[in-house]
Amino acid sequence: MAPELASVNNEALLQYMYFGYIPDPLTAFLPISKAPTRTLARIRSGRSSSRQYWDLPEYGTHQPRSEEECLEELEWRLAEAVRIRLISDVPLGALLSGGTDSSTVVA
């Protein structure tokens, strides 16, 4: 028996032509849909399961610290994120887009 082929999702293709991308949860094929953000999806033996693998606190529920403490934590997190990615047996480089994020990481 041949596998069932997915059908083209005409609505998603129209969205792609208009926006330049296919917005969630659509994909180019039916009945396939994108997994929600923050979700780990697993398919084993024809059965699927999913779970959320991270979560952010609801807006307005986190009490901000002082600006100085926030800046110190941001600097520490950036330095740590870069440090663990600098482990290499070969020379490293960085590609800059000119945006704030890539310029901050390289700095």
PDB file of N, CA and C in Angstrom:
ATOM      1  N   MET A   1       0.853  -1.179   0.000  1.00  0.00           N
ATOM      2  CA  MET A   1       0.000   0.000   0.000  1.00  0.00           C
ATOM      3  C   MET A   1       0.898   1.242   0.000  1.00  0.00           C
ATOM      4  N   ALA A   2       0.630   2.193  -0.858  1.00  0.00           N
ATOM      5  CA  ALA A   2       1.429   3.414  -0.965  1.00  0.00           C
ATOM      6  C   ALA A   2       1.073   4.371   0.174  1.00  0.00           C
ATOM      7  N   PRO A   3       2.068   5.139   0.646  1.00  0.00           N
ATOM      8  CA  PRO A   3       1.769   6.102   1.709  1.00  0.00           C
ATOM      9  C   PRO A   3       0.860   7.214   1.184  1.00  0.00           C
ATOM     10  N   GLU A   4       0.056   7.748   2.067  1.00  0.00           N
ATOM     11  CA  GLU A   4      -0.844   8.832   1.703  1.00  0.00           C
ATOM     12  C   GLU A   4      -0.033  10.116   1.559  1.00  0.00           C
ATOM     13  N   LEU A   5      -0.251  10.832   0.474  1.00  0.00           N
ATOM     14  CA  LEU A   5       0.466  12.073   0.240  1.00  0.00           C
ATOM     15  C   LEU A   5      -0.319  13.242   0.819  1.00  0.00           C
ATOM     16  N   ALA A   6       0.403  14.236   1.300  1.00  0.00           N
ATOM     17  CA  ALA A   6      -0.240  15.428   1.835  1.00  0.00           C
ATOM     18  C   ALA A   6      -0.758  16.284   0.682  1.00  0.00           C
ATOM     19  N   SER A   7      -1.820  17.008   0.930  1.00  0.00           N
ATOM     20  CA  SER A   7      -2.389  17.918  -0.065  1.00  0.00           C
ATOM     21  C   SER A   7      -1.805  19.311   0.122  1.00  0.00           C
ATOM     22  N   VAL A   8      -1.728  20.066  -0.958  1.00  0.00           N
ATOM     23  CA  VAL A   8      -1.239  21.438  -0.885  1.00  0.00           C
ATOM     24  C   VAL A   8      -2.278  22.299  -0.178  1.00  0.00           C
ATOM     25  N   ASN A   9      -1.815  23.132   0.755  1.00  0.00           N
ATOM     26  CA  ASN A   9      -2.686  24.036   1.493  1.00  0.00           C
ATOM     27  C   ASN A   9      -2.704  25.370   0.747  1.00  0.00           C
ATOM     28  N   ASN A  10      -3.748  25.578  -0.046  1.00  0.00           N
ATOM     29  CA  ASN A  10      -3.839  26.788  -0.870  1.00  0.00           C
ATOM     30  C   ASN A  10      -3.889  28.065  -0.029  1.00  0.00           C
ATOM     31  N   GLU A  11      -4.573  28.027   1.091  1.00  0.00           N
ATOM     32  CA  GLU A  11      -4.641  29.199   1.979  1.00  0.00           C
ATOM     33  C   GLU A  11      -3.254  29.576   2.482  1.00  0.00           C
ATOM     34  N   ALA A  12      -2.470  28.582   2.874  1.00  0.00           N
ATOM     35  CA  ALA A  12      -1.115  28.849   3.358  1.00  0.00           C
ATOM     36  C   ALA A  12      -0.240  29.429   2.256  1.00  0.00           C
ATOM     37  N   LEU A  13      -0.399  28.944   1.036  1.00  0.00           N
ATOM     38  CA  LEU A  13       0.383  29.483  -0.073  1.00  0.00           C
ATOM     39  C   LEU A  13       0.005  30.931  -0.368  1.00  0.00           C
ATOM     40  N   LEU A  14      -1.271  31.258  -0.250  1.00  0.00           N
ATOM     41  CA  LEU A  14      -1.684  32.654  -0.404  1.00  0.00           C
ATOM     42  C   LEU A  14      -1.072  33.530   0.680  1.00  0.00           C
ATOM     43  N   GLN A  15      -1.053  33.021   1.920  1.00  0.00           N
ATOM     44  CA  GLN A  15      -0.429  33.755   3.029  1.00  0.00           C
ATOM     45  C   GLN A  15       1.054  33.973   2.749  1.00  0.00           C
ATOM     46  N   TYR A  16       1.704  32.954   2.189  1.00  0.00           N
ATOM     47  CA  TYR A  16       3.123  33.067   1.863  1.00  0.00           C
ATOM     48  C   TYR A  16       3.352  34.152   0.804  1.00  0.00           C
ATOM     49  N   MET A  17       2.521  34.168  -0.217  1.00  0.00           N
ATOM     50  CA  MET A  17       2.658  35.178  -1.273  1.00  0.00           C
ATOM     51  C   MET A  17       2.432  36.587  -0.729  1.00  0.00           C
ATOM     52  N   TYR A  18       1.532  36.717   0.235  1.00  0.00           N
ATOM     53  CA  TYR A  18       1.200  38.032   0.787  1.00  0.00           C
ATOM     54  C   TYR A  18       2.231  38.493   1.806  1.00  0.00           C
ATOM     55  N   PHE A  19       2.584  37.614   2.766  1.00  0.00           N
ATOM     56  CA  PHE A  19       3.460  37.998   3.874  1.00  0.00           C
ATOM     57  C   PHE A  19       4.928  37.650   3.650  1.00  0.00           C
ATOM     58  N   GLY A  20       5.204  36.681   2.770  1.00  0.00           N
ATOM     59  CA  GLY A  20       6.580  36.216   2.590  1.00  0.00           C
ATOM     60  C   GLY A  20       6.925  35.076   3.537  1.00  0.00           C
ATOM     61  N   TYR A  21       5.959  34.615   4.305  1.00  0.00           N
ATOM     62  CA  TYR A  21       6.111  33.460   5.190  1.00  0.00           C
ATOM     63  C   TYR A  21       4.723  32.898   5.463  1.00  0.00           C
ATOM     64  N   ILE A  22       4.679  31.712   6.019  1.00  0.00           N
ATOM     65  CA  ILE A  22       3.398  31.088   6.354  1.00  0.00           C
ATOM     66  C   ILE A  22       3.187  31.219   7.859  1.00  0.00           C
ATOM     67  N   PRO A  23       2.174  31.987   8.269  1.00  0.00           N
ATOM     68  CA  PRO A  23       1.953  32.186   9.703  1.00  0.00           C
ATOM     69  C   PRO A  23       1.458  30.916  10.404  1.00  0.00           C
ATOM     70  N   ASP A  24       1.731  30.840  11.704  1.00  0.00           N
ATOM     71  CA  ASP A  24       1.283  29.712  12.529  1.00  0.00           C
ATOM     72  C   ASP A  24      -0.233  29.648  12.551  1.00  0.00           C
ATOM     73  N   PRO A  25      -0.818  28.506  12.663  1.00  0.00           N
ATOM     74  CA  PRO A  25      -0.275  27.154  12.689  1.00  0.00           C
ATOM     75  C   PRO A  25      -0.247  26.506  11.311  1.00  0.00           C
ATOM     76  N   LEU A  26      -0.429  27.306  10.258  1.00  0.00           N
ATOM     77  CA  LEU A  26      -0.494  26.751   8.902  1.00  0.00           C
ATOM     78  C   LEU A  26       0.858  26.232   8.422  1.00  0.00           C
ATOM     79  N   THR A  27       0.828  25.302   7.483  1.00  0.00           N
ATOM     80  CA  THR A  27       2.002  24.858   6.723  1.00  0.00           C
ATOM     81  C   THR A  27       1.572  24.763   5.271  1.00  0.00           C
ATOM     82  N   ALA A  28       2.499  24.473   4.399  1.00  0.00           N
ATOM     83  CA  ALA A  28       2.193  24.389   2.978  1.00  0.00           C
ATOM     84  C   ALA A  28       1.371  23.147   2.632  1.00  0.00           C
ATOM     85  N   PHE A  29       1.229  22.230   3.585  1.00  0.00           N
ATOM     86  CA  PHE A  29       0.535  20.975   3.304  1.00  0.00           C
ATOM     87  C   PHE A  29      -0.572  20.702   4.323  1.00  0.00           C
ATOM     88  N   LEU A  30      -1.652  20.100   3.844  1.00  0.00           N
ATOM     89  CA  LEU A  30      -2.749  19.654   4.703  1.00  0.00           C
ATOM     90  C   LEU A  30      -2.607  18.161   4.918  1.00  0.00           C
ATOM     91  N   PRO A  31      -2.897  17.606   6.031  1.00  0.00           N
ATOM     92  CA  PRO A  31      -3.413  18.207   7.256  1.00  0.00           C
ATOM     93  C   PRO A  31      -2.307  18.569   8.253  1.00  0.00           C
ATOM     94  N   ILE A  32      -1.117  18.869   7.773  1.00  0.00           N
ATOM     95  CA  ILE A  32       0.032  19.144   8.647  1.00  0.00           C
ATOM     96  C   ILE A  32      -0.065  20.562   9.196  1.00  0.00           C
ATOM     97  N   SER A  33       0.221  20.722  10.489  1.00  0.00           N
ATOM     98  CA  SER A  33       0.259  22.061  11.094  1.00  0.00           C
ATOM     99  C   SER A  33       1.531  22.197  11.922  1.00  0.00           C
ATOM    100  N   LYS A  34       1.934  23.432  12.168  1.00  0.00           N
ATOM    101  CA  LYS A  34       3.134  23.696  12.952  1.00  0.00           C
ATOM    102  C   LYS A  34       2.862  23.413  14.426  1.00  0.00           C
ATOM    103  N   ALA A  35       3.899  22.965  15.099  1.00  0.00           N
ATOM    104  CA  ALA A  35       3.794  22.789  16.551  1.00  0.00           C
ATOM    105  C   ALA A  35       3.783  24.174  17.192  1.00  0.00           C
ATOM    106  N   PRO A  36       3.039  24.359  18.265  1.00  0.00           N
ATOM    107  CA  PRO A  36       3.045  25.651  18.950  1.00  0.00           C
ATOM    108  C   PRO A  36       4.447  25.999  19.463  1.00  0.00           C
ATOM    109  N   THR A  37       4.700  27.289  19.622  1.00  0.00           N
ATOM    110  CA  THR A  37       5.985  27.708  20.169  1.00  0.00           C
ATOM    111  C   THR A  37       6.191  27.101  21.548  1.00  0.00           C
ATOM    112  N   ARG A  38       7.425  26.915  21.939  1.00  0.00           N
ATOM    113  CA  ARG A  38       7.816  26.350  23.237  1.00  0.00           C
ATOM    114  C   ARG A  38       7.384  24.903  23.386  1.00  0.00           C
ATOM    115  N   THR A  39       7.177  24.203  22.282  1.00  0.00           N
ATOM    116  CA  THR A  39       6.661  22.844  22.343  1.00  0.00           C
ATOM    117  C   THR A  39       7.654  21.852  21.762  1.00  0.00           C
ATOM    118  N   LEU A  40       7.812  20.746  22.445  1.00  0.00           N
ATOM    119  CA  LEU A  40       8.596  19.623  21.954  1.00  0.00           C
ATOM    120  C   LEU A  40       7.596  18.574  21.495  1.00  0.00           C
ATOM    121  N   ALA A  41       7.643  18.247  20.196  1.00  0.00           N
ATOM    122  CA  ALA A  41       6.729  17.245  19.646  1.00  0.00           C
ATOM    123  C   ALA A  41       7.513  15.969  19.363  1.00  0.00           C
ATOM    124  N   ARG A  42       6.904  14.833  19.660  1.00  0.00           N
ATOM    125  CA  ARG A  42       7.567  13.543  19.457  1.00  0.00           C
ATOM    126  C   ARG A  42       6.582  12.581  18.799  1.00  0.00           C
ATOM    127  N   ILE A  43       7.097  11.863  17.796  1.00  0.00           N
ATOM    128  CA  ILE A  43       6.288  10.838  17.139  1.00  0.00           C
ATOM    129  C   ILE A  43       7.042   9.525  17.251  1.00  0.00           C
ATOM    130  N   ARG A  44       6.411   8.536  17.852  1.00  0.00           N
ATOM    131  CA  ARG A  44       6.992   7.197  18.001  1.00  0.00           C
ATOM    132  C   ARG A  44       5.936   6.165  17.692  1.00  0.00           C
ATOM    133  N   SER A  45       6.304   5.235  16.848  1.00  0.00           N
ATOM    134  CA  SER A  45       5.403   4.138  16.481  1.00  0.00           C
ATOM    135  C   SER A  45       4.038   4.652  16.025  1.00  0.00           C
ATOM    136  N   GLY A  46       4.040   5.756  15.274  1.00  0.00           N
ATOM    137  CA  GLY A  46       2.798   6.292  14.748  1.00  0.00           C
ATOM    138  C   GLY A  46       1.968   7.092  15.727  1.00  0.00           C
ATOM    139  N   ARG A  47       2.443   7.231  16.969  1.00  0.00           N
ATOM    140  CA  ARG A  47       1.705   8.005  17.980  1.00  0.00           C
ATOM    141  C   ARG A  47       2.464   9.284  18.264  1.00  0.00           C
ATOM    142  N   SER A  48       1.745  10.367  18.417  1.00  0.00           N
ATOM    143  CA  SER A  48       2.395  11.655  18.671  1.00  0.00           C
ATOM    144  C   SER A  48       2.082  12.135  20.083  1.00  0.00           C
ATOM    145  N   SER A  49       3.030  12.868  20.630  1.00  0.00           N
ATOM    146  CA  SER A  49       2.835  13.506  21.931  1.00  0.00           C
ATOM    147  C   SER A  49       3.580  14.829  21.897  1.00  0.00           C
ATOM    148  N   SER A  50       3.195  15.735  22.755  1.00  0.00           N
ATOM    149  CA  SER A  50       3.886  17.017  22.830  1.00  0.00           C
ATOM    150  C   SER A  50       3.848  17.517  24.264  1.00  0.00           C
ATOM    151  N   ARG A  51       4.831  18.368  24.562  1.00  0.00           N
ATOM    152  CA  ARG A  51       4.868  19.002  25.882  1.00  0.00           C
ATOM    153  C   ARG A  51       5.582  20.333  25.745  1.00  0.00           C
ATOM    154  N   GLN A  52       5.244  21.236  26.624  1.00  0.00           N
ATOM    155  CA  GLN A  52       5.894  22.539  26.649  1.00  0.00           C
ATOM    156  C   GLN A  52       7.247  22.386  27.335  1.00  0.00           C
ATOM    157  N   TYR A  53       8.317  22.892  26.709  1.00  0.00           N
ATOM    158  CA  TYR A  53       9.635  22.702  27.302  1.00  0.00           C
ATOM    159  C   TYR A  53      10.188  23.948  27.958  1.00  0.00           C
ATOM    160  N   TRP A  54       9.536  25.074  27.866  1.00  0.00           N
ATOM    161  CA  TRP A  54       9.910  26.247  28.644  1.00  0.00           C
ATOM    162  C   TRP A  54       8.718  27.167  28.738  1.00  0.00           C
ATOM    163  N   ASP A  55       8.773  28.051  29.681  1.00  0.00           N
ATOM    164  CA  ASP A  55       7.655  28.947  29.921  1.00  0.00           C
ATOM    165  C   ASP A  55       8.188  30.272  30.447  1.00  0.00           C
ATOM    166  N   LEU A  56       7.518  31.326  30.112  1.00  0.00           N
ATOM    167  CA  LEU A  56       7.843  32.647  30.633  1.00  0.00           C
ATOM    168  C   LEU A  56       6.776  33.046  31.638  1.00  0.00           C
ATOM    169  N   PRO A  57       7.172  33.792  32.668  1.00  0.00           N
ATOM    170  CA  PRO A  57       6.148  34.263  33.596  1.00  0.00           C
ATOM    171  C   PRO A  57       5.159  35.193  32.885  1.00  0.00           C
ATOM    172  N   GLU A  58       3.929  35.175  33.318  1.00  0.00           N
ATOM    173  CA  GLU A  58       2.903  36.039  32.748  1.00  0.00           C
ATOM    174  C   GLU A  58       3.328  37.500  32.913  1.00  0.00           C
ATOM    175  N   TYR A  59       3.060  38.321  31.888  1.00  0.00           N
ATOM    176  CA  TYR A  59       3.440  39.737  31.929  1.00  0.00           C
ATOM    177  C   TYR A  59       2.819  40.408  33.150  1.00  0.00           C
ATOM    178  N   GLY A  60       3.624  41.150  33.868  1.00  0.00           N
ATOM    179  CA  GLY A  60       3.152  41.888  35.031  1.00  0.00           C
ATOM    180  C   GLY A  60       3.224  41.112  36.337  1.00  0.00           C
ATOM    181  N   THR A  61       3.633  39.829  36.295  1.00  0.00           N
ATOM    182  CA  THR A  61       3.703  39.045  37.521  1.00  0.00           C
ATOM    183  C   THR A  61       5.110  39.014  38.107  1.00  0.00           C
ATOM    184  N   HIS A  62       6.099  39.501  37.369  1.00  0.00           N
ATOM    185  CA  HIS A  62       7.481  39.496  37.843  1.00  0.00           C
ATOM    186  C   HIS A  62       7.844  40.895  38.332  1.00  0.00           C
ATOM    187  N   GLN A  63       8.308  40.977  39.552  1.00  0.00           N
ATOM    188  CA  GLN A  63       8.716  42.266  40.103  1.00  0.00           C
ATOM    189  C   GLN A  63      10.141  42.576  39.664  1.00  0.00           C
ATOM    190  N   PRO A  64      10.334  43.638  38.866  1.00  0.00           N
ATOM    191  CA  PRO A  64      11.682  43.955  38.405  1.00  0.00           C
ATOM    192  C   PRO A  64      12.566  44.421  39.555  1.00  0.00           C
ATOM    193  N   ARG A  65      13.826  44.095  39.411  1.00  0.00           N
ATOM    194  CA  ARG A  65      14.807  44.566  40.376  1.00  0.00           C
ATOM    195  C   ARG A  65      15.252  45.950  39.954  1.00  0.00           C
ATOM    196  N   SER A  66      16.277  46.448  40.582  1.00  0.00           N
ATOM    197  CA  SER A  66      16.791  47.750  40.191  1.00  0.00           C
ATOM    198  C   SER A  66      17.407  47.647  38.805  1.00  0.00           C
ATOM    199  N   GLU A  67      17.552  48.768  38.144  1.00  0.00           N
ATOM    200  CA  GLU A  67      18.141  48.779  36.801  1.00  0.00           C
ATOM    201  C   GLU A  67      19.566  48.230  36.839  1.00  0.00           C
ATOM    202  N   GLU A  68      20.304  48.557  37.874  1.00  0.00           N
ATOM    203  CA  GLU A  68      21.681  48.083  38.009  1.00  0.00           C
ATOM    204  C   GLU A  68      21.730  46.560  38.118  1.00  0.00           C
ATOM    205  N   GLU A  69      20.842  45.972  38.932  1.00  0.00           N
ATOM    206  CA  GLU A  69      20.804  44.512  39.070  1.00  0.00           C
ATOM    207  C   GLU A  69      20.413  43.841  37.753  1.00  0.00           C
ATOM    208  N   CYS A  70      19.467  44.431  37.028  1.00  0.00           N
ATOM    209  CA  CYS A  70      19.048  43.874  35.735  1.00  0.00           C
ATOM    210  C   CYS A  70      20.203  43.913  34.739  1.00  0.00           C
ATOM    211  N   LEU A  71      20.946  45.007  34.695  1.00  0.00           N
ATOM    212  CA  LEU A  71      22.082  45.125  33.786  1.00  0.00           C
ATOM    213  C   LEU A  71      23.183  44.134  34.144  1.00  0.00           C
ATOM    214  N   GLU A  72      23.441  43.956  35.441  1.00  0.00           N
ATOM    215  CA  GLU A  72      24.450  42.977  35.871  1.00  0.00           C
ATOM    216  C   GLU A  72      24.055  41.565  35.462  1.00  0.00           C
ATOM    217  N   GLU A  73      22.788  41.213  35.645  1.00  0.00           N
ATOM    218  CA  GLU A  73      22.338  39.872  35.265  1.00  0.00           C
ATOM    219  C   GLU A  73      22.399  39.680  33.748  1.00  0.00           C
ATOM    220  N   LEU A  74      22.001  40.693  32.985  1.00  0.00           N
ATOM    221  CA  LEU A  74      22.080  40.609  31.529  1.00  0.00           C
ATOM    222  C   LEU A  74      23.521  40.406  31.076  1.00  0.00           C
ATOM    223  N   GLU A  75      24.448  41.159  31.657  1.00  0.00           N
ATOM    224  CA  GLU A  75      25.859  41.027  31.300  1.00  0.00           C
ATOM    225  C   GLU A  75      26.366  39.622  31.638  1.00  0.00           C
ATOM    226  N   TRP A  76      25.982  39.098  32.805  1.00  0.00           N
ATOM    227  CA  TRP A  76      26.414  37.758  33.202  1.00  0.00           C
ATOM    228  C   TRP A  76      25.864  36.709  32.244  1.00  0.00           C
ATOM    229  N   ARG A  77      24.557  36.810  31.913  1.00  0.00           N
ATOM    230  CA  ARG A  77      23.930  35.823  31.023  1.00  0.00           C
ATOM    231  C   ARG A  77      24.548  35.862  29.621  1.00  0.00           C
ATOM    232  N   LEU A  78      24.808  37.052  29.104  1.00  0.00           N
ATOM    233  CA  LEU A  78      25.442  37.162  27.790  1.00  0.00           C
ATOM    234  C   LEU A  78      26.840  36.554  27.815  1.00  0.00           C
ATOM    235  N   ALA A  79      27.618  36.899  28.817  1.00  0.00           N
ATOM    236  CA  ALA A  79      28.984  36.385  28.927  1.00  0.00           C
ATOM    237  C   ALA A  79      28.984  34.867  29.037  1.00  0.00           C
ATOM    238  N   GLU A  80      28.068  34.316  29.805  1.00  0.00           N
ATOM    239  CA  GLU A  80      27.987  32.863  29.981  1.00  0.00           C
ATOM    240  C   GLU A  80      27.558  32.183  28.680  1.00  0.00           C
ATOM    241  N   ALA A  81      26.585  32.758  27.988  1.00  0.00           N
ATOM    242  CA  ALA A  81      26.119  32.185  26.723  1.00  0.00           C
ATOM    243  C   ALA A  81      27.243  32.167  25.692  1.00  0.00           C
ATOM    244  N   VAL A  82      28.025  33.228  25.627  1.00  0.00           N
ATOM    245  CA  VAL A  82      29.141  33.285  24.681  1.00  0.00           C
ATOM    246  C   VAL A  82      30.248  32.332  25.127  1.00  0.00           C
ATOM    247  N   ARG A  83      30.551  32.299  26.427  1.00  0.00           N
ATOM    248  CA  ARG A  83      31.641  31.460  26.938  1.00  0.00           C
ATOM    249  C   ARG A  83      31.441  29.991  26.587  1.00  0.00           C
ATOM    250  N   ILE A  84      30.231  29.479  26.777  1.00  0.00           N
ATOM    251  CA  ILE A  84      30.020  28.048  26.530  1.00  0.00           C
ATOM    252  C   ILE A  84      30.038  27.714  25.042  1.00  0.00           C
ATOM    253  N   ARG A  85      29.898  28.723  24.193  1.00  0.00           N
ATOM    254  CA  ARG A  85      29.952  28.476  22.746  1.00  0.00           C
ATOM    255  C   ARG A  85      31.331  28.725  22.155  1.00  0.00           C
ATOM    256  N   LEU A  86      32.270  29.191  22.975  1.00  0.00           N
ATOM    257  CA  LEU A  86      33.621  29.449  22.495  1.00  0.00           C
ATOM    258  C   LEU A  86      34.527  28.225  22.592  1.00  0.00           C
ATOM    259  N   ILE A  87      34.005  27.117  23.076  1.00  0.00           N
ATOM    260  CA  ILE A  87      34.789  25.891  23.186  1.00  0.00           C
ATOM    261  C   ILE A  87      34.854  25.268  21.802  1.00  0.00           C
ATOM    262  N   SER A  88      36.084  25.224  21.221  1.00  0.00           N
ATOM    263  CA  SER A  88      36.220  24.731  19.856  1.00  0.00           C
ATOM    264  C   SER A  88      37.647  24.289  19.598  1.00  0.00           C
ATOM    265  N   ASP A  89      37.796  23.354  18.679  1.00  0.00           N
ATOM    266  CA  ASP A  89      39.117  22.899  18.252  1.00  0.00           C
ATOM    267  C   ASP A  89      39.611  23.676  17.036  1.00  0.00           C
ATOM    268  N   VAL A  90      38.771  24.507  16.489  1.00  0.00           N
ATOM    269  CA  VAL A  90      39.119  25.276  15.293  1.00  0.00           C
ATOM    270  C   VAL A  90      38.893  26.761  15.564  1.00  0.00           C
ATOM    271  N   PRO A  91      39.492  27.629  14.750  1.00  0.00           N
ATOM    272  CA  PRO A  91      39.262  29.068  14.946  1.00  0.00           C
ATOM    273  C   PRO A  91      37.778  29.418  14.803  1.00  0.00           C
ATOM    274  N   LEU A  92      37.373  30.406  15.576  1.00  0.00           N
ATOM    275  CA  LEU A  92      35.977  30.837  15.563  1.00  0.00           C
ATOM    276  C   LEU A  92      35.844  32.191  14.901  1.00  0.00           C
ATOM    277  N   GLY A  93      34.672  32.463  14.389  1.00  0.00           N
ATOM    278  CA  GLY A  93      34.375  33.759  13.814  1.00  0.00           C
ATOM    279  C   GLY A  93      32.946  34.134  14.140  1.00  0.00           C
ATOM    280  N   ALA A  94      32.583  35.340  13.820  1.00  0.00           N
ATOM    281  CA  ALA A  94      31.218  35.799  14.058  1.00  0.00           C
ATOM    282  C   ALA A  94      30.750  36.581  12.850  1.00  0.00           C
ATOM    283  N   LEU A  95      29.517  36.353  12.444  1.00  0.00           N
ATOM    284  CA  LEU A  95      28.923  37.100  11.354  1.00  0.00           C
ATOM    285  C   LEU A  95      28.015  38.165  11.941  1.00  0.00           C
ATOM    286  N   LEU A  96      28.240  39.384  11.548  1.00  0.00           N
ATOM    287  CA  LEU A  96      27.456  40.492  12.083  1.00  0.00           C
ATOM    288  C   LEU A  96      26.386  40.924  11.096  1.00  0.00           C
ATOM    289  N   SER A  97      25.170  41.038  11.585  1.00  0.00           N
ATOM    290  CA  SER A  97      24.088  41.542  10.740  1.00  0.00           C
ATOM    291  C   SER A  97      23.991  43.051  10.855  1.00  0.00           C
ATOM    292  N   GLY A  98      24.671  43.608  11.851  1.00  0.00           N
ATOM    293  CA  GLY A  98      24.571  45.037  12.091  1.00  0.00           C
ATOM    294  C   GLY A  98      23.482  45.358  13.107  1.00  0.00           C
ATOM    295  N   GLY A  99      22.768  44.322  13.552  1.00  0.00           N
ATOM    296  CA  GLY A  99      21.705  44.529  14.535  1.00  0.00           C
ATOM    297  C   GLY A  99      22.272  44.595  15.944  1.00  0.00           C
ATOM    298  N   THR A 100      21.427  45.012  16.865  1.00  0.00           N
ATOM    299  CA  THR A 100      21.831  45.151  18.259  1.00  0.00           C
ATOM    300  C   THR A 100      22.249  43.829  18.850  1.00  0.00           C
ATOM    301  N   ASP A 101      21.510  42.747  18.535  1.00  0.00           N
ATOM    302  CA  ASP A 101      21.813  41.452  19.151  1.00  0.00           C
ATOM    303  C   ASP A 101      23.178  40.925  18.751  1.00  0.00           C
ATOM    304  N   SER A 102      23.508  40.895  17.467  1.00  0.00           N
ATOM    305  CA  SER A 102      24.801  40.339  17.062  1.00  0.00           C
ATOM    306  C   SER A 102      25.956  41.246  17.496  1.00  0.00           C
ATOM    307  N   SER A 103      25.752  42.544  17.456  1.00  0.00           N
ATOM    308  CA  SER A 103      26.798  43.471  17.897  1.00  0.00           C
ATOM    309  C   SER A 103      27.068  43.311  19.392  1.00  0.00           C
ATOM    310  N   THR A 104      26.015  43.092  20.179  1.00  0.00           N
ATOM    311  CA  THR A 104      26.164  42.905  21.623  1.00  0.00           C
ATOM    312  C   THR A 104      26.910  41.618  21.926  1.00  0.00           C
ATOM    313  N   VAL A 105      26.573  40.533  21.229  1.00  0.00           N
ATOM    314  CA  VAL A 105      27.232  39.247  21.465  1.00  0.00           C
ATOM    315  C   VAL A 105      28.720  39.360  21.149  1.00  0.00           C
ATOM    316  N   VAL A 106      29.082  39.980  20.028  1.00  0.00           N
ATOM    317  CA  VAL A 106      30.490  40.104  19.673  1.00  0.00           C
ATOM    318  C   VAL A 106      31.220  41.018  20.637  1.00  0.00           C
ATOM    319  N   ALA A 107      30.577  42.075  21.072  1.00  0.00           N
ATOM    320  CA  ALA A 107      31.219  42.996  22.024  1.00  0.00           C
ATOM    321  C   ALA A 107      31.504  42.268  23.321  1.00  0.00           C
TER     322      ALA A 107
END
